[in-house]
Amino acid sequence: MKPPRLLRYAAAGTLGTATQYTILLCLVRTGTAEPLIASSGGAIAGAIVNYLLNYRFTFGSHKSHIQVAPKFFLTACFGFVINWAVMTVLILYIGIHYLVAQILSTGIVLMLTYAVNAGWSFRQE
């Protein structure tokens, strides 16, 4: 028996998020990029990981990548903008440490993008 879809989505998201956080930490700790830029670069890499896992593992899509990928990556862009906005507010205006801000932002983006991906990107006809 498969785990519930939201749980599979969260598991795929965990791997995508691990990719994002690894890039975030590496870029910030080496002084290569500021937290907002590093988070954004990590989010792009994480989105690619998420797409591949969600296509098969979460939603088991049988649609072509041409049908699904544009919707998924448009949703990922929506998540990217939400992540950027939440990170900006939490870091620059509230003064929260960048890792705490990223954790909060990740939770918000997870719930919003799941709703959009389940209802639109991977919706079965």
PDB file of N, CA and C in Angstrom:
ATOM      1  N   MET A   1       0.833  -1.181   0.000  1.00  0.00           N
ATOM      2  CA  MET A   1       0.000   0.000   0.000  1.00  0.00           C
ATOM      3  C   MET A   1       0.879   1.246   0.000  1.00  0.00           C
ATOM      4  N   LYS A   2       0.595   2.148  -0.917  1.00  0.00           N
ATOM      5  CA  LYS A   2       1.357   3.384  -1.023  1.00  0.00           C
ATOM      6  C   LYS A   2       1.002   4.341   0.113  1.00  0.00           C
ATOM      7  N   PRO A   3       1.997   5.119   0.558  1.00  0.00           N
ATOM      8  CA  PRO A   3       1.680   6.173   1.527  1.00  0.00           C
ATOM      9  C   PRO A   3       0.766   7.221   0.865  1.00  0.00           C
ATOM     10  N   PRO A   4       0.032   7.992   1.663  1.00  0.00           N
ATOM     11  CA  PRO A   4      -0.821   9.039   1.087  1.00  0.00           C
ATOM     12  C   PRO A   4      -0.006   9.998   0.221  1.00  0.00           C
ATOM     13  N   ARG A   5      -0.673  10.567  -0.781  1.00  0.00           N
ATOM     14  CA  ARG A   5       0.005  11.422  -1.757  1.00  0.00           C
ATOM     15  C   ARG A   5       0.691  12.616  -1.110  1.00  0.00           C
ATOM     16  N   LEU A   6       0.071  13.257  -0.130  1.00  0.00           N
ATOM     17  CA  LEU A   6       0.712  14.394   0.533  1.00  0.00           C
ATOM     18  C   LEU A   6       2.009  13.968   1.200  1.00  0.00           C
ATOM     19  N   LEU A   7       2.020  12.766   1.761  1.00  0.00           N
ATOM     20  CA  LEU A   7       3.233  12.239   2.389  1.00  0.00           C
ATOM     21  C   LEU A   7       4.310  11.973   1.338  1.00  0.00           C
ATOM     22  N   ARG A   8       3.914  11.426   0.191  1.00  0.00           N
ATOM     23  CA  ARG A   8       4.875  11.200  -0.902  1.00  0.00           C
ATOM     24  C   ARG A   8       5.410  12.547  -1.411  1.00  0.00           C
ATOM     25  N   TYR A   9       4.521  13.543  -1.509  1.00  0.00           N
ATOM     26  CA  TYR A   9       4.925  14.884  -1.942  1.00  0.00           C
ATOM     27  C   TYR A   9       5.938  15.477  -0.962  1.00  0.00           C
ATOM     28  N   ALA A  10       5.668  15.300   0.322  1.00  0.00           N
ATOM     29  CA  ALA A  10       6.589  15.808   1.339  1.00  0.00           C
ATOM     30  C   ALA A  10       7.932  15.075   1.283  1.00  0.00           C
ATOM     31  N   ALA A  11       7.903  13.774   1.022  1.00  0.00           N
ATOM     32  CA  ALA A  11       9.150  13.007   0.924  1.00  0.00           C
ATOM     33  C   ALA A  11       9.980  13.474  -0.272  1.00  0.00           C
ATOM     34  N   ALA A  12       9.318  13.648  -1.415  1.00  0.00           N
ATOM     35  CA  ALA A  12      10.024  14.172  -2.590  1.00  0.00           C
ATOM     36  C   ALA A  12      10.535  15.574  -2.289  1.00  0.00           C
ATOM     37  N   GLY A  13       9.710  16.355  -1.632  1.00  0.00           N
ATOM     38  CA  GLY A  13      10.104  17.712  -1.259  1.00  0.00           C
ATOM     39  C   GLY A  13      11.283  17.735  -0.307  1.00  0.00           C
ATOM     40  N   THR A  14      11.368  16.712   0.541  1.00  0.00           N
ATOM     41  CA  THR A  14      12.502  16.632   1.467  1.00  0.00           C
ATOM     42  C   THR A  14      13.812  16.504   0.696  1.00  0.00           C
ATOM     43  N   LEU A  15      13.810  15.697  -0.345  1.00  0.00           N
ATOM     44  CA  LEU A  15      15.032  15.556  -1.150  1.00  0.00           C
ATOM     45  C   LEU A  15      15.334  16.837  -1.927  1.00  0.00           C
ATOM     46  N   GLY A  16      14.287  17.455  -2.477  1.00  0.00           N
ATOM     47  CA  GLY A  16      14.485  18.729  -3.158  1.00  0.00           C
ATOM     48  C   GLY A  16      14.968  19.799  -2.197  1.00  0.00           C
ATOM     49  N   THR A  17      14.399  19.787  -0.990  1.00  0.00           N
ATOM     50  CA  THR A  17      14.794  20.758   0.031  1.00  0.00           C
ATOM     51  C   THR A  17      16.222  20.495   0.499  1.00  0.00           C
ATOM     52  N   ALA A  18      16.588  19.236   0.628  1.00  0.00           N
ATOM     53  CA  ALA A  18      17.969  18.914   1.005  1.00  0.00           C
ATOM     54  C   ALA A  18      18.942  19.460  -0.038  1.00  0.00           C
ATOM     55  N   THR A  19      18.552  19.363  -1.300  1.00  0.00           N
ATOM     56  CA  THR A  19      19.366  19.939  -2.369  1.00  0.00           C
ATOM     57  C   THR A  19      19.474  21.447  -2.190  1.00  0.00           C
ATOM     58  N   GLN A  20      18.323  22.097  -1.946  1.00  0.00           N
ATOM     59  CA  GLN A  20      18.315  23.547  -1.766  1.00  0.00           C
ATOM     60  C   GLN A  20      19.164  23.961  -0.567  1.00  0.00           C
ATOM     61  N   TYR A  21      18.988  23.303   0.566  1.00  0.00           N
ATOM     62  CA  TYR A  21      19.717  23.675   1.772  1.00  0.00           C
ATOM     63  C   TYR A  21      21.219  23.430   1.617  1.00  0.00           C
ATOM     64  N   THR A  22      21.587  22.343   0.943  1.00  0.00           N
ATOM     65  CA  THR A  22      23.004  22.065   0.725  1.00  0.00           C
ATOM     66  C   THR A  22      23.650  23.190  -0.076  1.00  0.00           C
ATOM     67  N   ILE A  23      22.976  23.607  -1.122  1.00  0.00           N
ATOM     68  CA  ILE A  23      23.505  24.711  -1.940  1.00  0.00           C
ATOM     69  C   ILE A  23      23.522  26.001  -1.132  1.00  0.00           C
ATOM     70  N   LEU A  24      22.445  26.277  -0.394  1.00  0.00           N
ATOM     71  CA  LEU A  24      22.369  27.465   0.451  1.00  0.00           C
ATOM     72  C   LEU A  24      23.546  27.515   1.419  1.00  0.00           C
ATOM     73  N   LEU A  25      23.736  26.446   2.173  1.00  0.00           N
ATOM     74  CA  LEU A  25      24.811  26.425   3.164  1.00  0.00           C
ATOM     75  C   LEU A  25      26.192  26.526   2.537  1.00  0.00           C
ATOM     76  N   CYS A  26      26.409  25.797   1.453  1.00  0.00           N
ATOM     77  CA  CYS A  26      27.718  25.831   0.794  1.00  0.00           C
ATOM     78  C   CYS A  26      28.047  27.228   0.274  1.00  0.00           C
ATOM     79  N   LEU A  27      27.079  27.862  -0.363  1.00  0.00           N
ATOM     80  CA  LEU A  27      27.332  29.183  -0.935  1.00  0.00           C
ATOM     81  C   LEU A  27      27.509  30.258   0.142  1.00  0.00           C
ATOM     82  N   VAL A  28      26.709  30.180   1.200  1.00  0.00           N
ATOM     83  CA  VAL A  28      26.822  31.178   2.275  1.00  0.00           C
ATOM     84  C   VAL A  28      28.105  30.969   3.065  1.00  0.00           C
ATOM     85  N   ARG A  29      28.377  29.741   3.441  1.00  0.00           N
ATOM     86  CA  ARG A  29      29.549  29.473   4.290  1.00  0.00           C
ATOM     87  C   ARG A  29      30.878  29.669   3.584  1.00  0.00           C
ATOM     88  N   THR A  30      30.883  29.553   2.264  1.00  0.00           N
ATOM     89  CA  THR A  30      32.129  29.810   1.522  1.00  0.00           C
ATOM     90  C   THR A  30      32.248  31.281   1.125  1.00  0.00           C
ATOM     91  N   GLY A  31      31.201  32.064   1.423  1.00  0.00           N
ATOM     92  CA  GLY A  31      31.225  33.478   1.065  1.00  0.00           C
ATOM     93  C   GLY A  31      30.974  33.724  -0.412  1.00  0.00           C
ATOM     94  N   THR A  32      30.483  32.714  -1.118  1.00  0.00           N
ATOM     95  CA  THR A  32      30.236  32.815  -2.549  1.00  0.00           C
ATOM     96  C   THR A  32      29.006  33.650  -2.850  1.00  0.00           C
ATOM     97  N   ALA A  33      27.989  33.581  -1.972  1.00  0.00           N
ATOM     98  CA  ALA A  33      26.744  34.317  -2.213  1.00  0.00           C
ATOM     99  C   ALA A  33      26.089  34.673  -0.889  1.00  0.00           C
ATOM    100  N   GLU A  34      25.330  35.753  -0.924  1.00  0.00           N
ATOM    101  CA  GLU A  34      24.515  36.164   0.221  1.00  0.00           C
ATOM    102  C   GLU A  34      23.351  35.177   0.366  1.00  0.00           C
ATOM    103  N   PRO A  35      22.737  35.089   1.564  1.00  0.00           N
ATOM    104  CA  PRO A  35      21.673  34.117   1.788  1.00  0.00           C
ATOM    105  C   PRO A  35      20.511  34.177   0.794  1.00  0.00           C
ATOM    106  N   LEU A  36      20.060  35.346   0.403  1.00  0.00           N
ATOM    107  CA  LEU A  36      18.922  35.420  -0.517  1.00  0.00           C
ATOM    108  C   LEU A  36      19.261  34.850  -1.890  1.00  0.00           C
ATOM    109  N   ILE A  37      20.443  35.161  -2.375  1.00  0.00           N
ATOM    110  CA  ILE A  37      20.872  34.630  -3.682  1.00  0.00           C
ATOM    111  C   ILE A  37      21.124  33.125  -3.573  1.00  0.00           C
ATOM    112  N   ALA A  38      21.790  32.704  -2.510  1.00  0.00           N
ATOM    113  CA  ALA A  38      22.086  31.288  -2.319  1.00  0.00           C
ATOM    114  C   ALA A  38      20.800  30.471  -2.191  1.00  0.00           C
ATOM    115  N   SER A  39      19.822  31.004  -1.469  1.00  0.00           N
ATOM    116  CA  SER A  39      18.539  30.325  -1.326  1.00  0.00           C
ATOM    117  C   SER A  39      17.842  30.185  -2.668  1.00  0.00           C
ATOM    118  N   SER A  40      17.926  31.204  -3.475  1.00  0.00           N
ATOM    119  CA  SER A  40      17.279  31.179  -4.793  1.00  0.00           C
ATOM    120  C   SER A  40      17.942  30.168  -5.724  1.00  0.00           C
ATOM    121  N   GLY A  41      19.264  30.136  -5.735  1.00  0.00           N
ATOM    122  CA  GLY A  41      19.970  29.151  -6.547  1.00  0.00           C
ATOM    123  C   GLY A  41      19.648  27.734  -6.107  1.00  0.00           C
ATOM    124  N   GLY A  42      19.602  27.540  -4.806  1.00  0.00           N
ATOM    125  CA  GLY A  42      19.239  26.237  -4.270  1.00  0.00           C
ATOM    126  C   GLY A  42      17.809  25.852  -4.618  1.00  0.00           C
ATOM    127  N   ALA A  43      16.913  26.837  -4.627  1.00  0.00           N
ATOM    128  CA  ALA A  43      15.507  26.572  -4.950  1.00  0.00           C
ATOM    129  C   ALA A  43      15.359  26.089  -6.392  1.00  0.00           C
ATOM    130  N   ILE A  44      16.140  26.628  -7.290  1.00  0.00           N
ATOM    131  CA  ILE A  44      16.083  26.204  -8.697  1.00  0.00           C
ATOM    132  C   ILE A  44      16.537  24.745  -8.819  1.00  0.00           C
ATOM    133  N   ALA A  45      17.653  24.418  -8.194  1.00  0.00           N
ATOM    134  CA  ALA A  45      18.140  23.036  -8.231  1.00  0.00           C
ATOM    135  C   ALA A  45      17.143  22.096  -7.554  1.00  0.00           C
ATOM    136  N   GLY A  46      16.588  22.533  -6.435  1.00  0.00           N
ATOM    137  CA  GLY A  46      15.594  21.725  -5.719  1.00  0.00           C
ATOM    138  C   GLY A  46      14.343  21.489  -6.544  1.00  0.00           C
ATOM    139  N   ALA A  47      13.951  22.480  -7.333  1.00  0.00           N
ATOM    140  CA  ALA A  47      12.757  22.341  -8.183  1.00  0.00           C
ATOM    141  C   ALA A  47      12.953  21.245  -9.227  1.00  0.00           C
ATOM    142  N   ILE A  48      14.144  21.144  -9.767  1.00  0.00           N
ATOM    143  CA  ILE A  48      14.424  20.102 -10.754  1.00  0.00           C
ATOM    144  C   ILE A  48      14.323  18.719 -10.101  1.00  0.00           C
ATOM    145  N   VAL A  49      14.914  18.570  -8.929  1.00  0.00           N
ATOM    146  CA  VAL A  49      14.824  17.314  -8.185  1.00  0.00           C
ATOM    147  C   VAL A  49      13.358  16.996  -7.882  1.00  0.00           C
ATOM    148  N   ASN A  50      12.618  17.991  -7.408  1.00  0.00           N
ATOM    149  CA  ASN A  50      11.200  17.802  -7.079  1.00  0.00           C
ATOM    150  C   ASN A  50      10.383  17.364  -8.288  1.00  0.00           C
ATOM    151  N   TYR A  51      10.616  17.981  -9.421  1.00  0.00           N
ATOM    152  CA  TYR A  51       9.844  17.626 -10.611  1.00  0.00           C
ATOM    153  C   TYR A  51      10.025  16.154 -10.953  1.00  0.00           C
ATOM    154  N   LEU A  52      11.258  15.724 -11.016  1.00  0.00           N
ATOM    155  CA  LEU A  52      11.535  14.349 -11.408  1.00  0.00           C
ATOM    156  C   LEU A  52      10.907  13.349 -10.433  1.00  0.00           C
ATOM    157  N   LEU A  53      11.001  13.634  -9.142  1.00  0.00           N
ATOM    158  CA  LEU A  53      10.416  12.734  -8.151  1.00  0.00           C
ATOM    159  C   LEU A  53       8.887  12.797  -8.155  1.00  0.00           C
ATOM    160  N   ASN A  54       8.334  13.990  -8.275  1.00  0.00           N
ATOM    161  CA  ASN A  54       6.878  14.115  -8.257  1.00  0.00           C
ATOM    162  C   ASN A  54       6.236  13.534  -9.509  1.00  0.00           C
ATOM    163  N   TYR A  55       6.890  13.631 -10.614  1.00  0.00           N
ATOM    164  CA  TYR A  55       6.347  13.104 -11.863  1.00  0.00           C
ATOM    165  C   TYR A  55       6.044  11.609 -11.730  1.00  0.00           C
ATOM    166  N   ARG A  56       6.986  10.873 -11.163  1.00  0.00           N
ATOM    167  CA  ARG A  56       6.811   9.415 -11.043  1.00  0.00           C
ATOM    168  C   ARG A  56       6.305   8.987  -9.673  1.00  0.00           C
ATOM    169  N   PHE A  57       7.009   9.394  -8.637  1.00  0.00           N
ATOM    170  CA  PHE A  57       6.782   8.878  -7.286  1.00  0.00           C
ATOM    171  C   PHE A  57       5.489   9.414  -6.657  1.00  0.00           C
ATOM    172  N   THR A  58       5.285  10.710  -6.713  1.00  0.00           N
ATOM    173  CA  THR A  58       4.143  11.307  -6.023  1.00  0.00           C
ATOM    174  C   THR A  58       2.849  11.137  -6.793  1.00  0.00           C
ATOM    175  N   PHE A  59       2.873  11.562  -8.064  1.00  0.00           N
ATOM    176  CA  PHE A  59       1.637  11.615  -8.835  1.00  0.00           C
ATOM    177  C   PHE A  59       1.527  10.499  -9.865  1.00  0.00           C
ATOM    178  N   GLY A  60       2.618   9.796 -10.146  1.00  0.00           N
ATOM    179  CA  GLY A  60       2.584   8.709 -11.122  1.00  0.00           C
ATOM    180  C   GLY A  60       2.001   9.155 -12.448  1.00  0.00           C
ATOM    181  N   SER A  61       2.452  10.284 -12.918  1.00  0.00           N
ATOM    182  CA  SER A  61       1.882  10.872 -14.132  1.00  0.00           C
ATOM    183  C   SER A  61       2.166  10.016 -15.360  1.00  0.00           C
ATOM    184  N   HIS A  62       1.155   9.929 -16.210  1.00  0.00           N
ATOM    185  CA  HIS A  62       1.308   9.249 -17.491  1.00  0.00           C
ATOM    186  C   HIS A  62       1.252  10.256 -18.633  1.00  0.00           C
ATOM    187  N   LYS A  63       1.126  11.521 -18.280  1.00  0.00           N
ATOM    188  CA  LYS A  63       1.132  12.575 -19.293  1.00  0.00           C
ATOM    189  C   LYS A  63       2.564  12.808 -19.754  1.00  0.00           C
ATOM    190  N   SER A  64       2.699  13.411 -20.903  1.00  0.00           N
ATOM    191  CA  SER A  64       4.042  13.707 -21.401  1.00  0.00           C
ATOM    192  C   SER A  64       4.656  14.848 -20.588  1.00  0.00           C
ATOM    193  N   HIS A  65       5.977  14.872 -20.600  1.00  0.00           N
ATOM    194  CA  HIS A  65       6.680  15.955 -19.909  1.00  0.00           C
ATOM    195  C   HIS A  65       6.298  17.305 -20.524  1.00  0.00           C
ATOM    196  N   ILE A  66       5.996  17.320 -21.796  1.00  0.00           N
ATOM    197  CA  ILE A  66       5.602  18.575 -22.469  1.00  0.00           C
ATOM    198  C   ILE A  66       4.296  19.103 -21.883  1.00  0.00           C
ATOM    199  N   GLN A  67       3.412  18.216 -21.465  1.00  0.00           N
ATOM    200  CA  GLN A  67       2.155  18.644 -20.857  1.00  0.00           C
ATOM    201  C   GLN A  67       2.332  19.071 -19.400  1.00  0.00           C
ATOM    202  N   VAL A  68       3.175  18.368 -18.671  1.00  0.00           N
ATOM    203  CA  VAL A  68       3.271  18.555 -17.229  1.00  0.00           C
ATOM    204  C   VAL A  68       4.357  19.554 -16.819  1.00  0.00           C
ATOM    205  N   ALA A  69       5.519  19.456 -17.421  1.00  0.00           N
ATOM    206  CA  ALA A  69       6.662  20.259 -16.977  1.00  0.00           C
ATOM    207  C   ALA A  69       6.388  21.764 -16.968  1.00  0.00           C
ATOM    208  N   PRO A  70       5.775  22.339 -18.016  1.00  0.00           N
ATOM    209  CA  PRO A  70       5.526  23.794 -17.952  1.00  0.00           C
ATOM    210  C   PRO A  70       4.652  24.194 -16.765  1.00  0.00           C
ATOM    211  N   LYS A  71       3.637  23.402 -16.464  1.00  0.00           N
ATOM    212  CA  LYS A  71       2.775  23.701 -15.326  1.00  0.00           C
ATOM    213  C   LYS A  71       3.544  23.573 -14.016  1.00  0.00           C
ATOM    214  N   PHE A  72       4.329  22.499 -13.907  1.00  0.00           N
ATOM    215  CA  PHE A  72       5.091  22.288 -12.684  1.00  0.00           C
ATOM    216  C   PHE A  72       6.081  23.428 -12.464  1.00  0.00           C
ATOM    217  N   PHE A  73       6.808  23.797 -13.513  1.00  0.00           N
ATOM    218  CA  PHE A  73       7.827  24.832 -13.333  1.00  0.00           C
ATOM    219  C   PHE A  73       7.219  26.221 -13.184  1.00  0.00           C
ATOM    220  N   LEU A  74       6.039  26.453 -13.720  1.00  0.00           N
ATOM    221  CA  LEU A  74       5.328  27.694 -13.436  1.00  0.00           C
ATOM    222  C   LEU A  74       4.939  27.723 -11.957  1.00  0.00           C
ATOM    223  N   THR A  75       4.494  26.587 -11.451  1.00  0.00           N
ATOM    224  CA  THR A  75       4.187  26.474 -10.024  1.00  0.00           C
ATOM    225  C   THR A  75       5.460  26.654  -9.195  1.00  0.00           C
ATOM    226  N   ALA A  76       6.559  26.087  -9.663  1.00  0.00           N
ATOM    227  CA  ALA A  76       7.839  26.256  -8.967  1.00  0.00           C
ATOM    228  C   ALA A  76       8.246  27.729  -8.951  1.00  0.00           C
ATOM    229  N   CYS A  77       7.976  28.434 -10.044  1.00  0.00           N
ATOM    230  CA  CYS A  77       8.265  29.885 -10.081  1.00  0.00           C
ATOM    231  C   CYS A  77       7.427  30.622  -9.044  1.00  0.00           C
ATOM    232  N   PHE A  78       6.167  30.215  -8.913  1.00  0.00           N
ATOM    233  CA  PHE A  78       5.293  30.769  -7.878  1.00  0.00           C
ATOM    234  C   PHE A  78       5.909  30.499  -6.505  1.00  0.00           C
ATOM    235  N   GLY A  79       6.362  29.282  -6.276  1.00  0.00           N
ATOM    236  CA  GLY A  79       7.017  28.934  -5.016  1.00  0.00           C
ATOM    237  C   GLY A  79       8.293  29.719  -4.805  1.00  0.00           C
ATOM    238  N   PHE A  80       9.045  29.934  -5.885  1.00  0.00           N
ATOM    239  CA  PHE A  80      10.279  30.714  -5.830  1.00  0.00           C
ATOM    240  C   PHE A  80       9.985  32.138  -5.362  1.00  0.00           C
ATOM    241  N   VAL A  81       8.944  32.749  -5.925  1.00  0.00           N
ATOM    242  CA  VAL A  81       8.572  34.124  -5.563  1.00  0.00           C
ATOM    243  C   VAL A  81       8.118  34.179  -4.097  1.00  0.00           C
ATOM    244  N   ILE A  82       7.318  33.200  -3.684  1.00  0.00           N
ATOM    245  CA  ILE A  82       6.872  33.157  -2.296  1.00  0.00           C
ATOM    246  C   ILE A  82       8.075  32.974  -1.367  1.00  0.00           C
ATOM    247  N   ASN A  83       8.989  32.066  -1.721  1.00  0.00           N
ATOM    248  CA  ASN A  83      10.198  31.849  -0.925  1.00  0.00           C
ATOM    249  C   ASN A  83      11.000  33.143  -0.819  1.00  0.00           C
ATOM    250  N   TRP A  84      11.207  33.812  -1.934  1.00  0.00           N
ATOM    251  CA  TRP A  84      11.972  35.066  -1.953  1.00  0.00           C
ATOM    252  C   TRP A  84      11.305  36.104  -1.048  1.00  0.00           C
ATOM    253  N   ALA A  85      10.004  36.244  -1.169  1.00  0.00           N
ATOM    254  CA  ALA A  85       9.273  37.247  -0.383  1.00  0.00           C
ATOM    255  C   ALA A  85       9.343  36.937   1.112  1.00  0.00           C
ATOM    256  N   VAL A  86       9.094  35.676   1.471  1.00  0.00           N
ATOM    257  CA  VAL A  86       9.122  35.302   2.889  1.00  0.00           C
ATOM    258  C   VAL A  86      10.530  35.467   3.450  1.00  0.00           C
ATOM    259  N   MET A  87      11.536  35.004   2.708  1.00  0.00           N
ATOM    260  CA  MET A  87      12.925  35.150   3.157  1.00  0.00           C
ATOM    261  C   MET A  87      13.294  36.622   3.324  1.00  0.00           C
ATOM    262  N   THR A  88      12.894  37.446   2.380  1.00  0.00           N
ATOM    263  CA  THR A  88      13.209  38.873   2.447  1.00  0.00           C
ATOM    264  C   THR A  88      12.595  39.508   3.689  1.00  0.00           C
ATOM    265  N   VAL A  89      11.316  39.247   3.910  1.00  0.00           N
ATOM    266  CA  VAL A  89      10.637  39.828   5.075  1.00  0.00           C
ATOM    267  C   VAL A  89      11.270  39.331   6.372  1.00  0.00           C
ATOM    268  N   LEU A  90      11.483  38.027   6.463  1.00  0.00           N
ATOM    269  CA  LEU A  90      11.995  37.465   7.713  1.00  0.00           C
ATOM    270  C   LEU A  90      13.434  37.875   8.003  1.00  0.00           C
ATOM    271  N   ILE A  91      14.271  37.927   6.986  1.00  0.00           N
ATOM    272  CA  ILE A  91      15.678  38.270   7.205  1.00  0.00           C
ATOM    273  C   ILE A  91      15.880  39.780   7.311  1.00  0.00           C
ATOM    274  N   LEU A  92      15.395  40.516   6.317  1.00  0.00           N
ATOM    275  CA  LEU A  92      15.708  41.942   6.249  1.00  0.00           C
ATOM    276  C   LEU A  92      14.837  42.814   7.146  1.00  0.00           C
ATOM    277  N   TYR A  93      13.580  42.448   7.330  1.00  0.00           N
ATOM    278  CA  TYR A  93      12.679  43.309   8.089  1.00  0.00           C
ATOM    279  C   TYR A  93      12.444  42.844   9.527  1.00  0.00           C
ATOM    280  N   ILE A  94      12.485  41.533   9.738  1.00  0.00           N
ATOM    281  CA  ILE A  94      12.250  41.020  11.088  1.00  0.00           C
ATOM    282  C   ILE A  94      13.568  40.655  11.767  1.00  0.00           C
ATOM    283  N   GLY A  95      14.574  40.313  10.983  1.00  0.00           N
ATOM    284  CA  GLY A  95      15.890  40.018  11.531  1.00  0.00           C
ATOM    285  C   GLY A  95      16.089  38.595  12.006  1.00  0.00           C
ATOM    286  N   ILE A  96      15.321  37.676  11.451  1.00  0.00           N
ATOM    287  CA  ILE A  96      15.449  36.256  11.818  1.00  0.00           C
ATOM    288  C   ILE A  96      16.680  35.664  11.121  1.00  0.00           C
ATOM    289  N   HIS A  97      17.361  34.754  11.796  1.00  0.00           N
ATOM    290  CA  HIS A  97      18.509  34.054  11.210  1.00  0.00           C
ATOM    291  C   HIS A  97      18.072  33.378   9.913  1.00  0.00           C
ATOM    292  N   TYR A  98      18.948  33.376   8.920  1.00  0.00           N
ATOM    293  CA  TYR A  98      18.565  32.880   7.597  1.00  0.00           C
ATOM    294  C   TYR A  98      18.116  31.422   7.586  1.00  0.00           C
ATOM    295  N   LEU A  99      18.662  30.569   8.441  1.00  0.00           N
ATOM    296  CA  LEU A  99      18.233  29.168   8.450  1.00  0.00           C
ATOM    297  C   LEU A  99      16.828  29.010   9.049  1.00  0.00           C
ATOM    298  N   VAL A 100      16.530  29.754  10.085  1.00  0.00           N
ATOM    299  CA  VAL A 100      15.180  29.726  10.660  1.00  0.00           C
ATOM    300  C   VAL A 100      14.183  30.264   9.637  1.00  0.00           C
ATOM    301  N   ALA A 101      14.570  31.348   8.972  1.00  0.00           N
ATOM    302  CA  ALA A 101      13.710  31.930   7.936  1.00  0.00           C
ATOM    303  C   ALA A 101      13.455  30.926   6.820  1.00  0.00           C
ATOM    304  N   GLN A 102      14.480  30.185   6.439  1.00  0.00           N
ATOM    305  CA  GLN A 102      14.324  29.198   5.365  1.00  0.00           C
ATOM    306  C   GLN A 102      13.395  28.068   5.783  1.00  0.00           C
ATOM    307  N   ILE A 103      13.491  27.631   7.017  1.00  0.00           N
ATOM    308  CA  ILE A 103      12.603  26.570   7.504  1.00  0.00           C
ATOM    309  C   ILE A 103      11.145  27.030   7.469  1.00  0.00           C
ATOM    310  N   LEU A 104      10.885  28.223   7.938  1.00  0.00           N
ATOM    311  CA  LEU A 104       9.519  28.762   7.907  1.00  0.00           C
ATOM    312  C   LEU A 104       9.025  28.917   6.475  1.00  0.00           C
ATOM    313  N   SER A 105       9.880  29.441   5.624  1.00  0.00           N
ATOM    314  CA  SER A 105       9.517  29.638   4.227  1.00  0.00           C
ATOM    315  C   SER A 105       9.229  28.305   3.541  1.00  0.00           C
ATOM    316  N   THR A 106      10.021  27.303   3.840  1.00  0.00           N
ATOM    317  CA  THR A 106       9.839  25.984   3.239  1.00  0.00           C
ATOM    318  C   THR A 106       8.462  25.419   3.565  1.00  0.00           C
ATOM    319  N   GLY A 107       8.024  25.535   4.793  1.00  0.00           N
ATOM    320  CA  GLY A 107       6.706  25.044   5.180  1.00  0.00           C
ATOM    321  C   GLY A 107       5.585  25.734   4.430  1.00  0.00           C
ATOM    322  N   ILE A 108       5.701  27.044   4.278  1.00  0.00           N
ATOM    323  CA  ILE A 108       4.682  27.816   3.556  1.00  0.00           C
ATOM    324  C   ILE A 108       4.648  27.401   2.091  1.00  0.00           C
ATOM    325  N   VAL A 109       5.808  27.342   1.477  1.00  0.00           N
ATOM    326  CA  VAL A 109       5.896  26.996   0.053  1.00  0.00           C
ATOM    327  C   VAL A 109       5.422  25.562  -0.190  1.00  0.00           C
ATOM    328  N   LEU A 110       5.744  24.632   0.707  1.00  0.00           N
ATOM    329  CA  LEU A 110       5.314  23.244   0.568  1.00  0.00           C
ATOM    330  C   LEU A 110       3.797  23.146   0.450  1.00  0.00           C
ATOM    331  N   MET A 111       3.089  23.778   1.351  1.00  0.00           N
ATOM    332  CA  MET A 111       1.631  23.671   1.355  1.00  0.00           C
ATOM    333  C   MET A 111       1.009  24.345   0.125  1.00  0.00           C
ATOM    334  N   LEU A 112       1.523  25.512  -0.239  1.00  0.00           N
ATOM    335  CA  LEU A 112       0.965  26.216  -1.393  1.00  0.00           C
ATOM    336  C   LEU A 112       1.219  25.469  -2.698  1.00  0.00           C
ATOM    337  N   THR A 113       2.442  25.004  -2.896  1.00  0.00           N
ATOM    338  CA  THR A 113       2.751  24.329  -4.163  1.00  0.00           C
ATOM    339  C   THR A 113       2.100  22.950  -4.246  1.00  0.00           C
ATOM    340  N   TYR A 114       1.918  22.276  -3.110  1.00  0.00           N
ATOM    341  CA  TYR A 114       1.201  20.998  -3.156  1.00  0.00           C
ATOM    342  C   TYR A 114      -0.213  21.221  -3.676  1.00  0.00           C
ATOM    343  N   ALA A 115      -0.877  22.227  -3.146  1.00  0.00           N
ATOM    344  CA  ALA A 115      -2.255  22.509  -3.568  1.00  0.00           C
ATOM    345  C   ALA A 115      -2.322  22.791  -5.066  1.00  0.00           C
ATOM    346  N   VAL A 116      -1.393  23.575  -5.575  1.00  0.00           N
ATOM    347  CA  VAL A 116      -1.396  23.918  -7.001  1.00  0.00           C
ATOM    348  C   VAL A 116      -1.013  22.712  -7.858  1.00  0.00           C
ATOM    349  N   ASN A 117       0.008  21.977  -7.451  1.00  0.00           N
ATOM    350  CA  ASN A 117       0.433  20.812  -8.241  1.00  0.00           C
ATOM    351  C   ASN A 117      -0.628  19.717  -8.258  1.00  0.00           C
ATOM    352  N   ALA A 118      -1.261  19.466  -7.126  1.00  0.00           N
ATOM    353  CA  ALA A 118      -2.295  18.428  -7.076  1.00  0.00           C
ATOM    354  C   ALA A 118      -3.524  18.826  -7.888  1.00  0.00           C
ATOM    355  N   GLY A 119      -3.878  20.103  -7.830  1.00  0.00           N
ATOM    356  CA  GLY A 119      -5.093  20.545  -8.517  1.00  0.00           C
ATOM    357  C   GLY A 119      -4.926  20.973  -9.956  1.00  0.00           C
ATOM    358  N   TRP A 120      -3.678  21.187 -10.382  1.00  0.00           N
ATOM    359  CA  TRP A 120      -3.470  21.708 -11.722  1.00  0.00           C
ATOM    360  C   TRP A 120      -2.355  20.978 -12.473  1.00  0.00           C
ATOM    361  N   SER A 121      -1.131  21.045 -11.972  1.00  0.00           N
ATOM    362  CA  SER A 121       0.021  20.515 -12.707  1.00  0.00           C
ATOM    363  C   SER A 121      -0.101  19.033 -13.035  1.00  0.00           C
ATOM    364  N   PHE A 122      -0.452  18.230 -12.046  1.00  0.00           N
ATOM    365  CA  PHE A 122      -0.507  16.771 -12.220  1.00  0.00           C
ATOM    366  C   PHE A 122      -1.919  16.237 -12.181  1.00  0.00           C
ATOM    367  N   ARG A 123      -2.905  17.084 -12.290  1.00  0.00           N
ATOM    368  CA  ARG A 123      -4.298  16.649 -12.210  1.00  0.00           C
ATOM    369  C   ARG A 123      -4.594  15.617 -13.290  1.00  0.00           C
ATOM    370  N   GLN A 124      -5.210  14.533 -12.853  1.00  0.00           N
ATOM    371  CA  GLN A 124      -5.603  13.487 -13.802  1.00  0.00           C
ATOM    372  C   GLN A 124      -6.970  13.841 -14.361  1.00  0.00           C
ATOM    373  N   GLU A 125      -7.131  13.660 -15.630  1.00  0.00           N
ATOM    374  CA  GLU A 125      -8.403  13.997 -16.294  1.00  0.00           C
ATOM    375  C   GLU A 125      -9.457  12.958 -15.959  1.00  0.00           C
TER     376      GLU A 125
END
